PDB file of N, CA and C in Angstrom:
ATOM      1  N   MET A   1      85.008  97.399  99.958  1.00  0.00           N
ATOM      2  CA  MET A   1      85.759  97.808  98.795  1.00  0.00           C
ATOM      3  C   MET A   1      86.673  98.909  99.197  1.00  0.00           C
ATOM      4  N   GLN A   2      87.958  98.750  98.915  1.00  0.00           N
ATOM      5  CA  GLN A   2      88.915  99.730  99.255  1.00  0.00           C
ATOM      6  C   GLN A   2      89.061 100.758  98.173  1.00  0.00           C
ATOM      7  N   GLU A   3      89.024 102.053  98.611  1.00  0.00           N
ATOM      8  CA  GLU A   3      89.137 103.116  97.616  1.00  0.00           C
ATOM      9  C   GLU A   3      90.609 103.159  97.092  1.00  0.00           C
ATOM     10  N   GLU A   4      90.734 103.478  95.818  1.00  0.00           N
ATOM     11  CA  GLU A   4      92.033 103.578  95.233  1.00  0.00           C
ATOM     12  C   GLU A   4      92.642 104.961  95.495  1.00  0.00           C
ATOM     13  N   ILE A   5      93.879 104.978  95.840  1.00  0.00           N
ATOM     14  CA  ILE A   5      94.609 106.254  96.123  1.00  0.00           C
ATOM     15  C   ILE A   5      95.511 106.459  94.919  1.00  0.00           C
ATOM     16  N   LYS A   6      95.463 107.636  94.370  1.00  0.00           N
ATOM     17  CA  LYS A   6      96.339 107.982  93.277  1.00  0.00           C
ATOM     18  C   LYS A   6      97.209 109.204  93.688  1.00  0.00           C
ATOM     19  N   ILE A   7      98.461 109.115  93.265  1.00  0.00           N
ATOM     20  CA  ILE A   7      99.338 110.273  93.476  1.00  0.00           C
ATOM     21  C   ILE A   7      99.648 110.750  92.080  1.00  0.00           C
ATOM     22  N   VAL A   8      99.431 111.990  91.837  1.00  0.00           N
ATOM     23  CA  VAL A   8      99.591 112.590  90.476  1.00  0.00           C
ATOM     24  C   VAL A   8     100.968 113.350  90.448  1.00  0.00           C
ATOM     25  N   LEU A   9     101.815 112.977  89.516  1.00  0.00           N
ATOM     26  CA  LEU A   9     103.119 113.602  89.387  1.00  0.00           C
ATOM     27  C   LEU A   9     103.340 113.882  87.887  1.00  0.00           C
ATOM     28  N   PRO A  10     104.002 114.970  87.550  1.00  0.00           N
ATOM     29  CA  PRO A  10     104.300 115.175  86.175  1.00  0.00           C
ATOM     30  C   PRO A  10     105.181 114.065  85.622  1.00  0.00           C
ATOM     31  N   GLU A  11     104.978 113.704  84.359  1.00  0.00           N
ATOM     32  CA  GLU A  11     105.729 112.675  83.750  1.00  0.00           C
ATOM     33  C   GLU A  11     107.294 112.887  83.858  1.00  0.00           C
ATOM     34  N   SER A  12     107.672 114.175  83.821  1.00  0.00           N
ATOM     35  CA  SER A  12     109.114 114.410  83.928  1.00  0.00           C
ATOM     36  C   SER A  12     109.697 114.028  85.271  1.00  0.00           C
ATOM     37  N   ILE A  13     108.903 114.142  86.273  1.00  0.00           N
ATOM     38  CA  ILE A  13     109.380 113.686  87.644  1.00  0.00           C
ATOM     39  C   ILE A  13     109.354 112.173  87.678  1.00  0.00           C
ATOM     40  N   LYS A  14     108.322 111.534  87.134  1.00  0.00           N
ATOM     41  CA  LYS A  14     108.261 110.073  87.213  1.00  0.00           C
ATOM     42  C   LYS A  14     109.434 109.455  86.458  1.00  0.00           C
ATOM     43  N   HIS A  15     109.774 110.029  85.338  1.00  0.00           N
ATOM     44  CA  HIS A  15     110.931 109.566  84.527  1.00  0.00           C
ATOM     45  C   HIS A  15     112.279 109.787  85.261  1.00  0.00           C
ATOM     46  N   ALA A  16     112.318 110.784  86.168  1.00  0.00           N
ATOM     47  CA  ALA A  16     113.580 111.059  86.897  1.00  0.00           C
ATOM     48  C   ALA A  16     113.734 110.119  88.071  1.00  0.00           C
ATOM     49  N   LEU A  17     112.682 109.480  88.514  1.00  0.00           N
ATOM     50  CA  LEU A  17     112.803 108.547  89.714  1.00  0.00           C
ATOM     51  C   LEU A  17     113.529 107.333  89.275  1.00  0.00           C
ATOM     52  N   LYS A  18     114.281 106.757  90.166  1.00  0.00           N
ATOM     53  CA  LYS A  18     115.083 105.579  89.892  1.00  0.00           C
ATOM     54  C   LYS A  18     114.256 104.342  90.297  1.00  0.00           C
ATOM     55  N   LEU A  19     113.121 104.228  89.630  1.00  0.00           N
ATOM     56  CA  LEU A  19     112.187 103.085  89.869  1.00  0.00           C
ATOM     57  C   LEU A  19     111.633 102.601  88.554  1.00  0.00           C
ATOM     58  N   PRO A  20     111.417 101.278  88.439  1.00  0.00           N
ATOM     59  CA  PRO A  20     110.770 100.773  87.214  1.00  0.00           C
ATOM     60  C   PRO A  20     109.403 101.460  87.048  1.00  0.00           C
ATOM     61  N   PRO A  21     109.035 101.857  85.808  1.00  0.00           N
ATOM     62  CA  PRO A  21     107.809 102.560  85.634  1.00  0.00           C
ATOM     63  C   PRO A  21     106.535 101.836  86.209  1.00  0.00           C
ATOM     64  N   GLY A  22     106.496 100.568  86.216  1.00  0.00           N
ATOM     65  CA  GLY A  22     105.374  99.823  86.720  1.00  0.00           C
ATOM     66  C   GLY A  22     105.217  99.848  88.254  1.00  0.00           C
ATOM     67  N   GLU A  23     106.308 100.276  88.945  1.00  0.00           N
ATOM     68  CA  GLU A  23     106.314 100.277  90.437  1.00  0.00           C
ATOM     69  C   GLU A  23     106.153 101.661  91.068  1.00  0.00           C
ATOM     70  N   ILE A  24     106.151 102.721  90.177  1.00  0.00           N
ATOM     71  CA  ILE A  24     106.190 104.074  90.756  1.00  0.00           C
ATOM     72  C   ILE A  24     105.011 104.387  91.628  1.00  0.00           C
ATOM     73  N   ASP A  25     103.765 104.179  91.136  1.00  0.00           N
ATOM     74  CA  ASP A  25     102.604 104.516  91.894  1.00  0.00           C
ATOM     75  C   ASP A  25     102.505 103.797  93.262  1.00  0.00           C
ATOM     76  N   LYS A  26     102.760 102.467  93.191  1.00  0.00           N
ATOM     77  CA  LYS A  26     102.712 101.714  94.459  1.00  0.00           C
ATOM     78  C   LYS A  26     103.800 102.119  95.428  1.00  0.00           C
ATOM     79  N   ARG A  27     104.985 102.383  94.929  1.00  0.00           N
ATOM     80  CA  ARG A  27     106.121 102.721  95.777  1.00  0.00           C
ATOM     81  C   ARG A  27     105.924 104.096  96.409  1.00  0.00           C
ATOM     82  N   LEU A  28     105.364 104.992  95.620  1.00  0.00           N
ATOM     83  CA  LEU A  28     105.061 106.348  96.158  1.00  0.00           C
ATOM     84  C   LEU A  28     104.018 106.271  97.295  1.00  0.00           C
ATOM     85  N   ARG A  29     103.015 105.468  97.086  1.00  0.00           N
ATOM     86  CA  ARG A  29     101.940 105.312  98.115  1.00  0.00           C
ATOM     87  C   ARG A  29     102.562 104.732  99.389  1.00  0.00           C
ATOM     88  N   ILE A  30     103.450 103.731  99.230  1.00  0.00           N
ATOM     89  CA  ILE A  30     104.068 103.085 100.355  1.00  0.00           C
ATOM     90  C   ILE A  30     104.967 104.073 101.098  1.00  0.00           C
ATOM     91  N   GLU A  31     105.788 104.805 100.343  1.00  0.00           N
ATOM     92  CA  GLU A  31     106.727 105.763 101.024  1.00  0.00           C
ATOM     93  C   GLU A  31     105.929 106.866 101.705  1.00  0.00           C
ATOM     94  N   LEU A  32     104.827 107.344 101.062  1.00  0.00           N
ATOM     95  CA  LEU A  32     104.012 108.373 101.743  1.00  0.00           C
ATOM     96  C   LEU A  32     103.428 107.832 103.007  1.00  0.00           C
ATOM     97  N   ALA A  33     102.877 106.611 102.949  1.00  0.00           N
ATOM     98  CA  ALA A  33     102.273 106.025 104.116  1.00  0.00           C
ATOM     99  C   ALA A  33     103.277 105.832 105.272  1.00  0.00           C
ATOM    100  N   LEU A  34     104.470 105.386 104.937  1.00  0.00           N
ATOM    101  CA  LEU A  34     105.475 105.201 105.977  1.00  0.00           C
ATOM    102  C   LEU A  34     105.879 106.473 106.643  1.00  0.00           C
ATOM    103  N   ARG A  35     106.098 107.517 105.841  1.00  0.00           N
ATOM    104  CA  ARG A  35     106.517 108.808 106.473  1.00  0.00           C
ATOM    105  C   ARG A  35     105.378 109.450 107.259  1.00  0.00           C
ATOM    106  N   LEU A  36     104.131 109.370 106.786  1.00  0.00           N
ATOM    107  CA  LEU A  36     103.011 109.949 107.477  1.00  0.00           C
ATOM    108  C   LEU A  36     102.827 109.226 108.822  1.00  0.00           C
ATOM    109  N   TYR A  37     102.956 107.873 108.829  1.00  0.00           N
ATOM    110  CA  TYR A  37     102.819 107.136 109.997  1.00  0.00           C
ATOM    111  C   TYR A  37     103.986 107.430 111.010  1.00  0.00           C
ATOM    112  N   GLU A  38     105.188 107.447 110.461  1.00  0.00           N
ATOM    113  CA  GLU A  38     106.396 107.676 111.308  1.00  0.00           C
ATOM    114  C   GLU A  38     106.275 109.010 112.015  1.00  0.00           C
ATOM    115  N   LYS A  39     105.720 110.050 111.348  1.00  0.00           N
ATOM    116  CA  LYS A  39     105.665 111.372 111.898  1.00  0.00           C
ATOM    117  C   LYS A  39     104.370 111.547 112.781  1.00  0.00           C
ATOM    118  N   GLY A  40     103.516 110.497 112.869  1.00  0.00           N
ATOM    119  CA  GLY A  40     102.352 110.619 113.687  1.00  0.00           C
ATOM    120  C   GLY A  40     101.181 111.372 113.011  1.00  0.00           C
ATOM    121  N   ILE A  41     101.303 111.614 111.749  1.00  0.00           N
ATOM    122  CA  ILE A  41     100.325 112.319 110.980  1.00  0.00           C
ATOM    123  C   ILE A  41      99.138 111.369 110.579  1.00  0.00           C
ATOM    124  N   ALA A  42      99.406 110.144 110.353  1.00  0.00           N
ATOM    125  CA  ALA A  42      98.389 109.157 109.951  1.00  0.00           C
ATOM    126  C   ALA A  42      98.489 108.000 110.952  1.00  0.00           C
ATOM    127  N   SER A  43      97.311 107.485 111.282  1.00  0.00           N
ATOM    128  CA  SER A  43      97.232 106.249 112.160  1.00  0.00           C
ATOM    129  C   SER A  43      97.666 105.097 111.337  1.00  0.00           C
ATOM    130  N   LEU A  44      97.846 103.950 112.054  1.00  0.00           N
ATOM    131  CA  LEU A  44      98.246 102.719 111.327  1.00  0.00           C
ATOM    132  C   LEU A  44      97.217 102.322 110.308  1.00  0.00           C
ATOM    133  N   GLY A  45      95.932 102.427 110.682  1.00  0.00           N
ATOM    134  CA  GLY A  45      94.889 102.084 109.720  1.00  0.00           C
ATOM    135  C   GLY A  45      94.885 102.926 108.476  1.00  0.00           C
ATOM    136  N   VAL A  46      94.980 104.215 108.653  1.00  0.00           N
ATOM    137  CA  VAL A  46      94.977 105.142 107.538  1.00  0.00           C
ATOM    138  C   VAL A  46      96.201 104.924 106.709  1.00  0.00           C
ATOM    139  N   ALA A  47      97.365 104.776 107.347  1.00  0.00           N
ATOM    140  CA  ALA A  47      98.627 104.590 106.574  1.00  0.00           C
ATOM    141  C   ALA A  47      98.648 103.311 105.767  1.00  0.00           C
ATOM    142  N   ARG A  48      98.129 102.260 106.385  1.00  0.00           N
ATOM    143  CA  ARG A  48      98.093 100.977 105.638  1.00  0.00           C
ATOM    144  C   ARG A  48      97.127 101.030 104.497  1.00  0.00           C
ATOM    145  N   ARG A  49      96.056 101.820 104.563  1.00  0.00           N
ATOM    146  CA  ARG A  49      95.136 102.000 103.445  1.00  0.00           C
ATOM    147  C   ARG A  49      95.829 102.809 102.350  1.00  0.00           C
ATOM    148  N   ILE A  50      96.582 103.825 102.706  1.00  0.00           N
ATOM    149  CA  ILE A  50      97.279 104.622 101.741  1.00  0.00           C
ATOM    150  C   ILE A  50      98.268 103.716 100.961  1.00  0.00           C
ATOM    151  N   ALA A  51      98.940 102.849 101.746  1.00  0.00           N
ATOM    152  CA  ALA A  51      99.901 101.938 101.097  1.00  0.00           C
ATOM    153  C   ALA A  51      99.292 100.794 100.312  1.00  0.00           C
ATOM    154  N   GLY A  52      97.983 100.592 100.610  1.00  0.00           N
ATOM    155  CA  GLY A  52      97.318  99.471  99.877  1.00  0.00           C
ATOM    156  C   GLY A  52      97.738  98.104 100.423  1.00  0.00           C
ATOM    157  N   LEU A  53      98.034  98.051 101.727  1.00  0.00           N
ATOM    158  CA  LEU A  53      98.517  96.841 102.304  1.00  0.00           C
ATOM    159  C   LEU A  53      97.536  96.424 103.449  1.00  0.00           C
ATOM    160  N   THR A  54      97.606  95.108 103.791  1.00  0.00           N
ATOM    161  CA  THR A  54      96.845  94.684 104.986  1.00  0.00           C
ATOM    162  C   THR A  54      97.539  95.191 106.230  1.00  0.00           C
ATOM    163  N   LYS A  55      96.827  95.113 107.311  1.00  0.00           N
ATOM    164  CA  LYS A  55      97.400  95.571 108.618  1.00  0.00           C
ATOM    165  C   LYS A  55      98.759  94.830 108.890  1.00  0.00           C
ATOM    166  N   TRP A  56      98.737  93.519 108.694  1.00  0.00           N
ATOM    167  CA  TRP A  56      99.937  92.733 109.016  1.00  0.00           C
ATOM    168  C   TRP A  56     101.038  92.990 108.007  1.00  0.00           C
ATOM    169  N   GLU A  57     100.751  93.181 106.724  1.00  0.00           N
ATOM    170  CA  GLU A  57     101.760  93.521 105.752  1.00  0.00           C
ATOM    171  C   GLU A  57     102.387  94.873 106.127  1.00  0.00           C
ATOM    172  N   PHE A  58     101.578  95.841 106.582  1.00  0.00           N
ATOM    173  CA  PHE A  58     102.106  97.153 106.891  1.00  0.00           C
ATOM    174  C   PHE A  58     103.004  97.046 108.161  1.00  0.00           C
ATOM    175  N   ILE A  59     102.531  96.272 109.159  1.00  0.00           N
ATOM    176  CA  ILE A  59     103.319  96.076 110.393  1.00  0.00           C
ATOM    177  C   ILE A  59     104.692  95.421 110.010  1.00  0.00           C
ATOM    178  N   GLU A  60     104.686  94.473 109.139  1.00  0.00           N
ATOM    179  CA  GLU A  60     105.958  93.855 108.673  1.00  0.00           C
ATOM    180  C   GLU A  60     106.813  94.873 107.995  1.00  0.00           C
ATOM    181  N   LEU A  61     106.256  95.707 107.164  1.00  0.00           N
ATOM    182  CA  LEU A  61     107.017  96.725 106.553  1.00  0.00           C
ATOM    183  C   LEU A  61     107.606  97.709 107.482  1.00  0.00           C
ATOM    184  N   LEU A  62     106.776  98.147 108.545  1.00  0.00           N
ATOM    185  CA  LEU A  62     107.341  98.984 109.593  1.00  0.00           C
ATOM    186  C   LEU A  62     108.562  98.377 110.257  1.00  0.00           C
ATOM    187  N   ALA A  63     108.479  97.124 110.567  1.00  0.00           N
ATOM    188  CA  ALA A  63     109.608  96.403 111.179  1.00  0.00           C
ATOM    189  C   ALA A  63     110.822  96.400 110.292  1.00  0.00           C
ATOM    190  N   LYS A  64     110.583  96.150 108.993  1.00  0.00           N
ATOM    191  CA  LYS A  64     111.705  96.128 108.012  1.00  0.00           C
ATOM    192  C   LYS A  64     112.363  97.489 107.929  1.00  0.00           C
ATOM    193  N   GLU A  65     111.576  98.546 107.947  1.00  0.00           N
ATOM    194  CA  GLU A  65     112.048  99.890 107.903  1.00  0.00           C
ATOM    195  C   GLU A  65     112.520 100.473 109.254  1.00  0.00           C
ATOM    196  N   LYS A  66     112.405  99.651 110.298  1.00  0.00           N
ATOM    197  CA  LYS A  66     112.780 100.009 111.643  1.00  0.00           C
ATOM    198  C   LYS A  66     112.051 101.254 112.170  1.00  0.00           C
ATOM    199  N   ILE A  67     110.784 101.262 111.857  1.00  0.00           N
ATOM    200  CA  ILE A  67     109.860 102.368 112.305  1.00  0.00           C
ATOM    201  C   ILE A  67     109.039 101.777 113.465  1.00  0.00           C
ATOM    202  N   PRO A  68     109.166 102.325 114.660  1.00  0.00           N
ATOM    203  CA  PRO A  68     108.374 101.823 115.768  1.00  0.00           C
ATOM    204  C   PRO A  68     106.860 101.942 115.575  1.00  0.00           C
ATOM    205  N   ILE A  69     106.175 100.926 116.126  1.00  0.00           N
ATOM    206  CA  ILE A  69     104.689 100.940 116.066  1.00  0.00           C
ATOM    207  C   ILE A  69     104.192 101.890 117.168  1.00  0.00           C
ATOM    208  N   HIS A  70     103.285 102.758 116.800  1.00  0.00           N
ATOM    209  CA  HIS A  70     102.543 103.612 117.752  1.00  0.00           C
ATOM    210  C   HIS A  70     101.362 102.842 118.180  1.00  0.00           C
ATOM    211  N   TYR A  71     101.346 102.400 119.429  1.00  0.00           N
ATOM    212  CA  TYR A  71     100.256 101.559 119.904  1.00  0.00           C
ATOM    213  C   TYR A  71      99.737 102.187 121.177  1.00  0.00           C
ATOM    214  N   ASP A  72      98.506 102.686 121.145  1.00  0.00           N
ATOM    215  CA  ASP A  72      97.947 103.354 122.278  1.00  0.00           C
ATOM    216  C   ASP A  72      96.839 102.487 122.962  1.00  0.00           C
ATOM    217  N   GLU A  73      96.202 103.026 123.982  1.00  0.00           N
ATOM    218  CA  GLU A  73      95.234 102.316 124.711  1.00  0.00           C
ATOM    219  C   GLU A  73      94.020 101.971 123.932  1.00  0.00           C
ATOM    220  N   LEU A  74      93.654 102.915 123.051  1.00  0.00           N
ATOM    221  CA  LEU A  74      92.466 102.653 122.172  1.00  0.00           C
ATOM    222  C   LEU A  74      92.699 101.494 121.275  1.00  0.00           C
ATOM    223  N   GLU A  75      93.907 101.402 120.666  1.00  0.00           N
ATOM    224  CA  GLU A  75      94.211 100.311 119.784  1.00  0.00           C
ATOM    225  C   GLU A  75      94.238  99.003 120.609  1.00  0.00           C
ATOM    226  N   LEU A  76      94.781  99.008 121.834  1.00  0.00           N
ATOM    227  CA  LEU A  76      94.798  97.845 122.659  1.00  0.00           C
ATOM    228  C   LEU A  76      93.326  97.359 122.934  1.00  0.00           C
ATOM    229  N   LYS A  77      92.462  98.322 123.251  1.00  0.00           N
ATOM    230  CA  LYS A  77      91.102  98.019 123.529  1.00  0.00           C
ATOM    231  C   LYS A  77      90.401  97.379 122.319  1.00  0.00           C
ATOM    232  N   GLU A  78      90.639  97.945 121.131  1.00  0.00           N
ATOM    233  CA  GLU A  78      90.079  97.405 119.917  1.00  0.00           C
ATOM    234  C   GLU A  78      90.602  95.974 119.660  1.00  0.00           C
ATOM    235  N   ASP A  79      91.843  95.775 119.897  1.00  0.00           N
ATOM    236  CA  ASP A  79      92.414  94.449 119.670  1.00  0.00           C
ATOM    237  C   ASP A  79      91.840  93.397 120.627  1.00  0.00           C
ATOM    238  N   LEU A  80      91.664  93.876 121.959  1.00  0.00           N
ATOM    239  CA  LEU A  80      91.098  92.928 122.977  1.00  0.00           C
ATOM    240  C   LEU A  80      89.663  92.624 122.662  1.00  0.00           C
ATOM    241  N   GLU A  81      88.902  93.600 122.193  1.00  0.00           N
ATOM    242  CA  GLU A  81      87.496  93.373 121.812  1.00  0.00           C
ATOM    243  C   GLU A  81      87.439  92.381 120.626  1.00  0.00           C
ATOM    244  N   TRP A  82      88.359  92.537 119.715  1.00  0.00           N
ATOM    245  CA  TRP A  82      88.370  91.639 118.503  1.00  0.00           C
ATOM    246  C   TRP A  82      88.650  90.228 118.948  1.00  0.00           C
ATOM    247  N   LEU A  83      89.585  90.072 119.954  1.00  0.00           N
ATOM    248  CA  LEU A  83      89.924  88.720 120.404  1.00  0.00           C
ATOM    249  C   LEU A  83      88.730  88.008 121.042  1.00  0.00           C
ATOM    250  N   GLU A  84      87.866  88.798 121.716  1.00  0.00           N
ATOM    251  CA  GLU A  84      86.720  88.194 122.407  1.00  0.00           C
ATOM    252  C   GLU A  84      85.749  87.771 121.368  1.00  0.00           C
TER     253      GLU A  84
END
């Protein structure tokens, strides 16, 4: 079960954003996840959970946003173990 992540903003700020009201929470989680990942503050796993996306959805989003994937030896080892 994935824990829900909420971002709390005053209503005045939410109304000032140029987003449809139903998209604000999801869009803020995605934007936060992208920037934290891009700056190396969050790992891919943590960032994709913040965004509420699968690993592959988040990787596709990174490609769309032209954000390089940070792939280290530990992640390679985990992927190789998964393949076995």
